[in-house]
N, C-alpha and C. Protein backbone atom coordinates (compact mmCIF):
# COMPACT_ATOMS: atom_id res chain seq x y z
N UNK A 1 -107.64 22.11 46.09
CA UNK A 1 -106.43 22.85 45.82
C UNK A 1 -106.27 24.00 46.81
N UNK A 2 -107.37 24.68 47.10
CA UNK A 2 -107.31 25.81 48.03
C UNK A 2 -106.76 25.38 49.39
N UNK A 3 -107.23 24.23 49.89
CA UNK A 3 -106.77 23.76 51.21
C UNK A 3 -105.28 23.41 51.16
N UNK A 4 -104.80 22.88 50.04
CA UNK A 4 -103.38 22.56 49.91
C UNK A 4 -102.53 23.83 49.96
N UNK A 5 -103.03 24.86 49.30
CA UNK A 5 -102.29 26.14 49.28
C UNK A 5 -102.25 26.73 50.68
N UNK A 6 -103.39 26.74 51.36
CA UNK A 6 -103.43 27.27 52.73
C UNK A 6 -102.51 26.47 53.64
N UNK A 7 -102.54 25.14 53.54
CA UNK A 7 -101.64 24.30 54.34
C UNK A 7 -100.18 24.65 54.09
N UNK A 8 -99.85 24.84 52.81
CA UNK A 8 -98.46 25.16 52.46
C UNK A 8 -98.06 26.53 53.01
N UNK A 9 -98.95 27.50 52.91
CA UNK A 9 -98.65 28.84 53.44
C UNK A 9 -98.46 28.79 54.96
N UNK A 10 -99.31 28.01 55.64
CA UNK A 10 -99.17 27.87 57.09
C UNK A 10 -97.86 27.19 57.46
N UNK A 11 -97.43 26.24 56.66
CA UNK A 11 -96.15 25.56 56.89
C UNK A 11 -95.00 26.56 56.75
N UNK A 12 -95.08 27.41 55.74
CA UNK A 12 -94.04 28.44 55.54
C UNK A 12 -94.01 29.38 56.74
N UNK A 13 -95.18 29.80 57.19
CA UNK A 13 -95.25 30.70 58.35
C UNK A 13 -94.60 30.06 59.58
N UNK A 14 -94.90 28.79 59.81
CA UNK A 14 -94.35 28.11 60.98
C UNK A 14 -92.84 27.91 60.88
N UNK A 15 -92.38 27.48 59.71
CA UNK A 15 -90.95 27.21 59.53
C UNK A 15 -90.11 28.47 59.61
N UNK A 16 -90.61 29.57 59.05
CA UNK A 16 -89.82 30.79 58.97
C UNK A 16 -90.20 31.83 60.01
N UNK A 17 -91.15 31.47 60.89
CA UNK A 17 -91.61 32.36 61.95
C UNK A 17 -92.02 33.73 61.39
N UNK A 18 -92.89 33.67 60.39
CA UNK A 18 -93.40 34.88 59.76
C UNK A 18 -94.92 34.80 59.69
N UNK A 19 -95.54 35.92 59.35
CA UNK A 19 -96.98 35.94 59.11
C UNK A 19 -97.22 36.37 57.67
N UNK A 20 -97.86 35.55 56.90
CA UNK A 20 -98.20 35.90 55.53
C UNK A 20 -99.55 36.60 55.60
N UNK A 21 -99.53 37.89 55.33
CA UNK A 21 -100.75 38.68 55.44
C UNK A 21 -101.61 38.62 54.19
N UNK A 22 -100.98 38.39 53.06
CA UNK A 22 -101.73 38.38 51.81
C UNK A 22 -101.00 37.50 50.81
N UNK A 23 -101.72 36.64 50.15
CA UNK A 23 -101.13 35.79 49.10
C UNK A 23 -102.14 35.71 47.97
N UNK A 24 -101.65 35.80 46.77
CA UNK A 24 -102.57 35.71 45.63
C UNK A 24 -101.89 35.00 44.47
N UNK A 25 -102.70 34.47 43.59
CA UNK A 25 -102.25 33.84 42.36
C UNK A 25 -102.60 34.80 41.24
N UNK A 26 -101.68 35.02 40.37
CA UNK A 26 -101.93 35.94 39.27
C UNK A 26 -101.66 35.23 37.95
N UNK A 27 -102.55 35.38 37.01
CA UNK A 27 -102.35 34.82 35.69
C UNK A 27 -102.69 33.35 35.64
N UNK A 28 -102.45 32.79 34.51
CA UNK A 28 -102.74 31.38 34.31
C UNK A 28 -101.48 30.71 33.79
N UNK A 29 -100.87 29.92 34.65
CA UNK A 29 -99.62 29.29 34.25
C UNK A 29 -99.81 28.40 33.03
N UNK A 30 -100.92 27.70 32.96
CA UNK A 30 -101.14 26.80 31.83
C UNK A 30 -101.23 27.58 30.53
N UNK A 31 -101.98 28.68 30.54
CA UNK A 31 -102.11 29.48 29.33
C UNK A 31 -100.83 30.21 29.02
N UNK A 32 -100.12 30.69 30.06
CA UNK A 32 -98.88 31.43 29.79
C UNK A 32 -97.89 30.57 29.04
N UNK A 33 -97.82 29.28 29.39
CA UNK A 33 -96.84 28.40 28.76
C UNK A 33 -96.99 28.36 27.24
N UNK A 34 -98.22 28.33 26.76
CA UNK A 34 -98.43 28.19 25.32
C UNK A 34 -97.94 29.43 24.56
N UNK A 35 -97.89 30.58 25.24
CA UNK A 35 -97.44 31.80 24.58
C UNK A 35 -96.01 32.18 24.95
N UNK A 36 -95.41 31.50 25.94
CA UNK A 36 -94.04 31.83 26.31
C UNK A 36 -93.04 31.39 25.26
N UNK A 37 -93.24 30.25 24.66
CA UNK A 37 -92.28 29.77 23.66
C UNK A 37 -92.28 30.61 22.39
N UNK A 38 -93.44 30.94 21.81
CA UNK A 38 -93.40 31.75 20.59
C UNK A 38 -92.97 33.20 20.83
N UNK A 39 -93.16 33.73 22.03
CA UNK A 39 -92.87 35.14 22.25
C UNK A 39 -91.43 35.54 21.94
N UNK A 40 -90.41 34.83 22.49
CA UNK A 40 -89.03 35.24 22.16
C UNK A 40 -88.71 35.03 20.68
N UNK A 41 -89.32 34.03 20.08
CA UNK A 41 -89.09 33.81 18.65
C UNK A 41 -89.67 34.97 17.84
N UNK A 42 -90.87 35.41 18.21
CA UNK A 42 -91.47 36.56 17.52
C UNK A 42 -90.65 37.82 17.77
N UNK A 43 -90.08 37.95 18.97
CA UNK A 43 -89.23 39.11 19.27
C UNK A 43 -87.98 39.12 18.39
N UNK A 44 -87.39 37.95 18.18
CA UNK A 44 -86.23 37.86 17.29
C UNK A 44 -86.63 38.24 15.87
N UNK A 45 -87.77 37.72 15.42
CA UNK A 45 -88.25 38.05 14.07
C UNK A 45 -88.53 39.54 13.95
N UNK A 46 -89.08 40.14 15.01
CA UNK A 46 -89.35 41.58 15.03
C UNK A 46 -88.06 42.36 14.74
N UNK A 47 -87.00 41.98 15.46
CA UNK A 47 -85.72 42.65 15.28
C UNK A 47 -85.15 42.37 13.90
N UNK A 48 -85.20 41.11 13.46
CA UNK A 48 -84.68 40.76 12.13
C UNK A 48 -85.42 41.50 11.02
N UNK A 49 -86.70 41.75 11.22
CA UNK A 49 -87.49 42.43 10.20
C UNK A 49 -87.35 43.95 10.27
N UNK A 50 -86.46 44.43 11.16
CA UNK A 50 -86.09 45.84 11.17
C UNK A 50 -86.98 46.76 11.98
N UNK A 51 -87.77 46.21 12.89
CA UNK A 51 -88.67 47.05 13.69
C UNK A 51 -88.00 47.65 14.92
N UNK A 52 -86.78 47.25 15.24
CA UNK A 52 -86.10 47.80 16.40
C UNK A 52 -86.32 46.96 17.65
N UNK A 53 -86.37 47.61 18.79
CA UNK A 53 -86.55 46.92 20.06
C UNK A 53 -87.95 46.31 20.10
N UNK A 54 -88.00 45.04 20.45
CA UNK A 54 -89.28 44.32 20.46
C UNK A 54 -90.16 44.78 21.62
N UNK A 55 -91.46 44.92 21.36
CA UNK A 55 -92.38 45.31 22.44
C UNK A 55 -92.63 44.15 23.40
N UNK A 56 -93.09 44.47 24.57
CA UNK A 56 -93.43 43.46 25.56
C UNK A 56 -94.74 42.77 25.20
N UNK A 57 -95.67 43.52 24.66
CA UNK A 57 -97.00 42.99 24.37
C UNK A 57 -96.95 41.94 23.27
N UNK A 58 -97.43 40.75 23.59
CA UNK A 58 -97.47 39.66 22.63
C UNK A 58 -98.32 40.04 21.42
N UNK A 59 -99.43 40.74 21.67
CA UNK A 59 -100.33 41.11 20.58
C UNK A 59 -99.65 42.03 19.56
N UNK A 60 -98.78 42.91 20.03
CA UNK A 60 -98.05 43.80 19.11
C UNK A 60 -97.09 43.00 18.24
N UNK A 61 -96.39 42.05 18.86
CA UNK A 61 -95.49 41.19 18.09
C UNK A 61 -96.27 40.44 17.02
N UNK A 62 -97.38 39.88 17.42
CA UNK A 62 -98.20 39.08 16.51
C UNK A 62 -98.74 39.93 15.36
N UNK A 63 -99.07 41.18 15.67
CA UNK A 63 -99.67 42.04 14.65
C UNK A 63 -98.69 42.40 13.53
N UNK A 64 -97.42 42.63 13.88
CA UNK A 64 -96.48 43.17 12.90
C UNK A 64 -95.50 42.16 12.31
N UNK A 65 -95.19 41.10 13.04
CA UNK A 65 -94.21 40.14 12.54
C UNK A 65 -94.82 39.32 11.41
N UNK A 66 -94.06 39.17 10.33
CA UNK A 66 -94.54 38.40 9.18
C UNK A 66 -94.61 36.92 9.54
N UNK A 67 -95.81 36.36 9.44
CA UNK A 67 -96.04 34.94 9.71
C UNK A 67 -96.93 34.38 8.62
N UNK A 68 -96.89 33.06 8.49
CA UNK A 68 -97.83 32.40 7.59
C UNK A 68 -99.25 32.70 8.07
N UNK A 69 -100.17 32.99 7.16
CA UNK A 69 -101.55 33.31 7.58
C UNK A 69 -102.20 32.22 8.45
N UNK A 70 -101.96 30.95 8.13
CA UNK A 70 -102.58 29.87 8.92
C UNK A 70 -102.04 29.86 10.35
N UNK A 71 -100.74 30.13 10.52
CA UNK A 71 -100.16 30.17 11.86
C UNK A 71 -100.71 31.36 12.63
N UNK A 72 -100.78 32.51 11.99
CA UNK A 72 -101.34 33.70 12.64
C UNK A 72 -102.78 33.43 13.08
N UNK A 73 -103.54 32.79 12.22
CA UNK A 73 -104.94 32.46 12.53
C UNK A 73 -105.01 31.51 13.73
N UNK A 74 -104.13 30.52 13.78
CA UNK A 74 -104.12 29.57 14.88
C UNK A 74 -103.76 30.25 16.20
N UNK A 75 -102.76 31.12 16.17
CA UNK A 75 -102.38 31.84 17.40
C UNK A 75 -103.51 32.75 17.84
N UNK A 76 -104.15 33.42 16.89
CA UNK A 76 -105.30 34.27 17.23
C UNK A 76 -106.43 33.44 17.83
N UNK A 77 -106.64 32.24 17.31
CA UNK A 77 -107.68 31.34 17.85
C UNK A 77 -107.37 31.00 19.31
N UNK A 78 -106.11 30.67 19.58
CA UNK A 78 -105.71 30.34 20.95
C UNK A 78 -105.85 31.55 21.87
N UNK A 79 -105.49 32.72 21.38
CA UNK A 79 -105.63 33.93 22.19
C UNK A 79 -107.10 34.20 22.51
N UNK A 80 -107.97 33.97 21.56
CA UNK A 80 -109.40 34.16 21.79
C UNK A 80 -109.90 33.17 22.84
N UNK A 81 -109.46 31.92 22.75
CA UNK A 81 -109.84 30.93 23.75
C UNK A 81 -109.36 31.35 25.14
N UNK A 82 -108.15 31.88 25.19
CA UNK A 82 -107.59 32.33 26.47
C UNK A 82 -108.42 33.46 27.05
N UNK A 83 -108.77 34.43 26.20
CA UNK A 83 -109.52 35.59 26.66
C UNK A 83 -110.94 35.25 27.10
N UNK A 84 -111.55 34.27 26.46
CA UNK A 84 -112.95 33.93 26.76
C UNK A 84 -113.09 32.79 27.75
N UNK A 85 -112.02 32.04 27.98
CA UNK A 85 -112.09 30.90 28.88
C UNK A 85 -111.67 31.28 30.28
N UNK A 86 -111.87 30.37 31.19
CA UNK A 86 -111.44 30.55 32.56
C UNK A 86 -110.01 30.07 32.75
N UNK A 87 -109.39 30.49 33.83
CA UNK A 87 -108.01 30.09 34.09
C UNK A 87 -107.87 28.60 34.31
N UNK A 88 -108.94 27.98 34.79
CA UNK A 88 -108.88 26.54 35.07
C UNK A 88 -109.13 25.69 33.83
N UNK A 89 -109.53 26.34 32.73
CA UNK A 89 -109.80 25.59 31.50
C UNK A 89 -108.53 24.91 31.02
N UNK A 90 -108.71 23.74 30.43
CA UNK A 90 -107.56 23.01 29.89
C UNK A 90 -107.03 23.74 28.66
N UNK A 91 -105.72 23.70 28.52
CA UNK A 91 -105.06 24.35 27.39
C UNK A 91 -105.06 23.40 26.21
N UNK A 92 -105.62 23.83 25.08
CA UNK A 92 -105.59 22.95 23.91
C UNK A 92 -104.18 22.87 23.34
N UNK A 93 -103.80 21.69 22.92
CA UNK A 93 -102.52 21.53 22.25
C UNK A 93 -102.64 22.06 20.84
N UNK A 94 -101.58 22.64 20.35
CA UNK A 94 -101.59 23.16 18.99
C UNK A 94 -100.37 22.61 18.25
N UNK A 95 -100.57 21.55 17.48
CA UNK A 95 -99.45 21.00 16.71
C UNK A 95 -98.82 22.05 15.79
N UNK A 96 -99.63 22.95 15.26
CA UNK A 96 -99.10 23.97 14.35
C UNK A 96 -98.15 24.92 15.09
N UNK A 97 -98.54 25.37 16.28
CA UNK A 97 -97.69 26.28 17.06
C UNK A 97 -96.45 25.52 17.53
N UNK A 98 -96.63 24.29 17.99
CA UNK A 98 -95.49 23.48 18.43
C UNK A 98 -94.48 23.27 17.29
N UNK A 99 -94.98 22.99 16.10
CA UNK A 99 -94.11 22.77 14.95
C UNK A 99 -93.38 24.06 14.59
N UNK A 100 -94.07 25.19 14.66
CA UNK A 100 -93.45 26.49 14.40
C UNK A 100 -92.30 26.74 15.37
N UNK A 101 -92.55 26.51 16.66
CA UNK A 101 -91.53 26.73 17.68
C UNK A 101 -90.32 25.82 17.43
N UNK A 102 -90.57 24.54 17.22
CA UNK A 102 -89.48 23.60 16.99
C UNK A 102 -88.67 23.96 15.76
N UNK A 103 -89.36 24.32 14.69
CA UNK A 103 -88.69 24.69 13.45
C UNK A 103 -87.83 25.94 13.62
N UNK A 104 -88.39 26.93 14.28
CA UNK A 104 -87.64 28.18 14.49
C UNK A 104 -86.45 27.97 15.41
N UNK A 105 -86.62 27.15 16.44
CA UNK A 105 -85.50 26.88 17.34
C UNK A 105 -84.36 26.18 16.61
N UNK A 106 -84.69 25.23 15.74
CA UNK A 106 -83.66 24.55 14.94
C UNK A 106 -82.96 25.54 14.03
N UNK A 107 -83.74 26.40 13.40
CA UNK A 107 -83.17 27.41 12.50
C UNK A 107 -82.25 28.36 13.26
N UNK A 108 -82.69 28.81 14.42
CA UNK A 108 -81.87 29.72 15.23
C UNK A 108 -80.61 29.04 15.72
N UNK A 109 -80.70 27.76 16.05
CA UNK A 109 -79.53 27.03 16.54
C UNK A 109 -78.46 26.93 15.45
N UNK A 110 -78.89 26.91 14.19
CA UNK A 110 -77.95 26.80 13.08
C UNK A 110 -77.34 28.14 12.68
N UNK A 111 -77.91 29.20 13.18
CA UNK A 111 -77.40 30.53 12.85
C UNK A 111 -76.37 30.94 13.91
N UNK A 112 -75.25 31.34 13.44
CA UNK A 112 -74.26 31.89 14.37
C UNK A 112 -73.78 33.20 13.80
N UNK A 113 -73.67 34.16 14.64
CA UNK A 113 -73.16 35.46 14.23
C UNK A 113 -72.07 35.85 15.19
N UNK A 114 -71.06 36.45 14.65
CA UNK A 114 -70.01 36.97 15.51
C UNK A 114 -70.07 38.49 15.41
N UNK A 115 -69.86 39.11 16.52
CA UNK A 115 -69.89 40.56 16.58
C UNK A 115 -68.53 41.05 17.02
N UNK A 116 -68.10 42.09 16.38
CA UNK A 116 -66.83 42.69 16.79
C UNK A 116 -67.04 43.32 18.16
N UNK A 117 -66.02 43.23 18.96
CA UNK A 117 -66.09 43.85 20.27
C UNK A 117 -65.65 45.29 20.14
N UNK A 118 -66.59 46.14 19.77
CA UNK A 118 -66.29 47.56 19.63
C UNK A 118 -66.66 48.26 20.94
N UNK A 119 -65.66 48.72 21.65
CA UNK A 119 -65.97 49.40 22.91
C UNK A 119 -66.76 50.69 22.64
N UNK A 120 -67.60 51.02 23.59
CA UNK A 120 -68.39 52.24 23.48
C UNK A 120 -67.45 53.44 23.52
N UNK A 121 -67.78 54.49 22.78
CA UNK A 121 -66.92 55.69 22.76
C UNK A 121 -67.17 56.55 24.01
N UNK A 122 -66.65 56.08 25.15
CA UNK A 122 -66.95 56.73 26.42
C UNK A 122 -66.49 58.19 26.46
N UNK A 123 -65.36 58.47 25.85
CA UNK A 123 -64.87 59.85 25.86
C UNK A 123 -65.86 60.77 25.15
N UNK A 124 -66.36 60.33 24.01
CA UNK A 124 -67.33 61.12 23.26
C UNK A 124 -68.63 61.27 24.04
N UNK A 125 -69.08 60.19 24.66
CA UNK A 125 -70.30 60.25 25.46
C UNK A 125 -70.13 61.19 26.65
N UNK A 126 -68.96 61.12 27.30
CA UNK A 126 -68.69 62.04 28.41
C UNK A 126 -68.76 63.48 27.95
N UNK A 127 -68.19 63.76 26.80
CA UNK A 127 -68.19 65.12 26.27
C UNK A 127 -69.61 65.59 25.96
N UNK A 128 -70.43 64.71 25.41
CA UNK A 128 -71.82 65.06 25.12
C UNK A 128 -72.56 65.39 26.41
N UNK A 129 -72.41 64.56 27.44
CA UNK A 129 -73.08 64.81 28.71
C UNK A 129 -72.59 66.12 29.34
N UNK A 130 -71.30 66.38 29.27
CA UNK A 130 -70.77 67.63 29.85
C UNK A 130 -71.30 68.85 29.10
N UNK A 131 -71.51 68.73 27.79
CA UNK A 131 -72.05 69.82 27.00
C UNK A 131 -73.52 70.07 27.33
N UNK A 132 -74.27 68.98 27.49
CA UNK A 132 -75.70 69.10 27.77
C UNK A 132 -75.95 69.60 29.18
N UNK A 133 -75.17 69.10 30.14
CA UNK A 133 -75.35 69.47 31.55
C UNK A 133 -74.06 70.06 32.10
N UNK A 134 -73.76 71.31 31.74
CA UNK A 134 -72.47 71.89 32.16
C UNK A 134 -72.37 72.14 33.67
N UNK A 135 -73.49 72.24 34.36
CA UNK A 135 -73.46 72.55 35.79
C UNK A 135 -73.33 71.32 36.68
N UNK A 136 -73.32 70.13 36.07
CA UNK A 136 -73.24 68.89 36.85
C UNK A 136 -71.80 68.41 36.91
N UNK A 137 -71.38 68.04 38.11
CA UNK A 137 -70.03 67.51 38.28
C UNK A 137 -70.08 66.00 38.10
N UNK A 138 -69.49 65.48 37.04
CA UNK A 138 -69.53 64.05 36.73
C UNK A 138 -68.36 63.29 37.34
N UNK A 139 -67.55 63.95 38.15
CA UNK A 139 -66.38 63.28 38.75
C UNK A 139 -66.77 62.33 39.82
């Protein structure tokens, strides 16, 4: 794999007449995939459960969002495998996590909400900013 990557980088250098001084791989694409699908679903649940803006950290979402105990345990198991395994390790399939994702996506697809188009009160916001910063010219 290393030789393929080097060959590809050299091809890019030749085609684009550039010099690649440094190239690196970060993270584990295989492991990231297993947590990418549940993350936005947990973020939606975070908001629905009244916690406000969802955090970036997957572990924070997992800690606070209400989930079935068996699902939480399975996700924790996978996270432990990720933390203790190497990036080249094969990703175990998790029927439980897959079923959760599929079920939640179907549920979300059936939910539709309409929001009124309420424009922001720009005049009020302008007045607040002018009061807070009277020496700044906002024109």
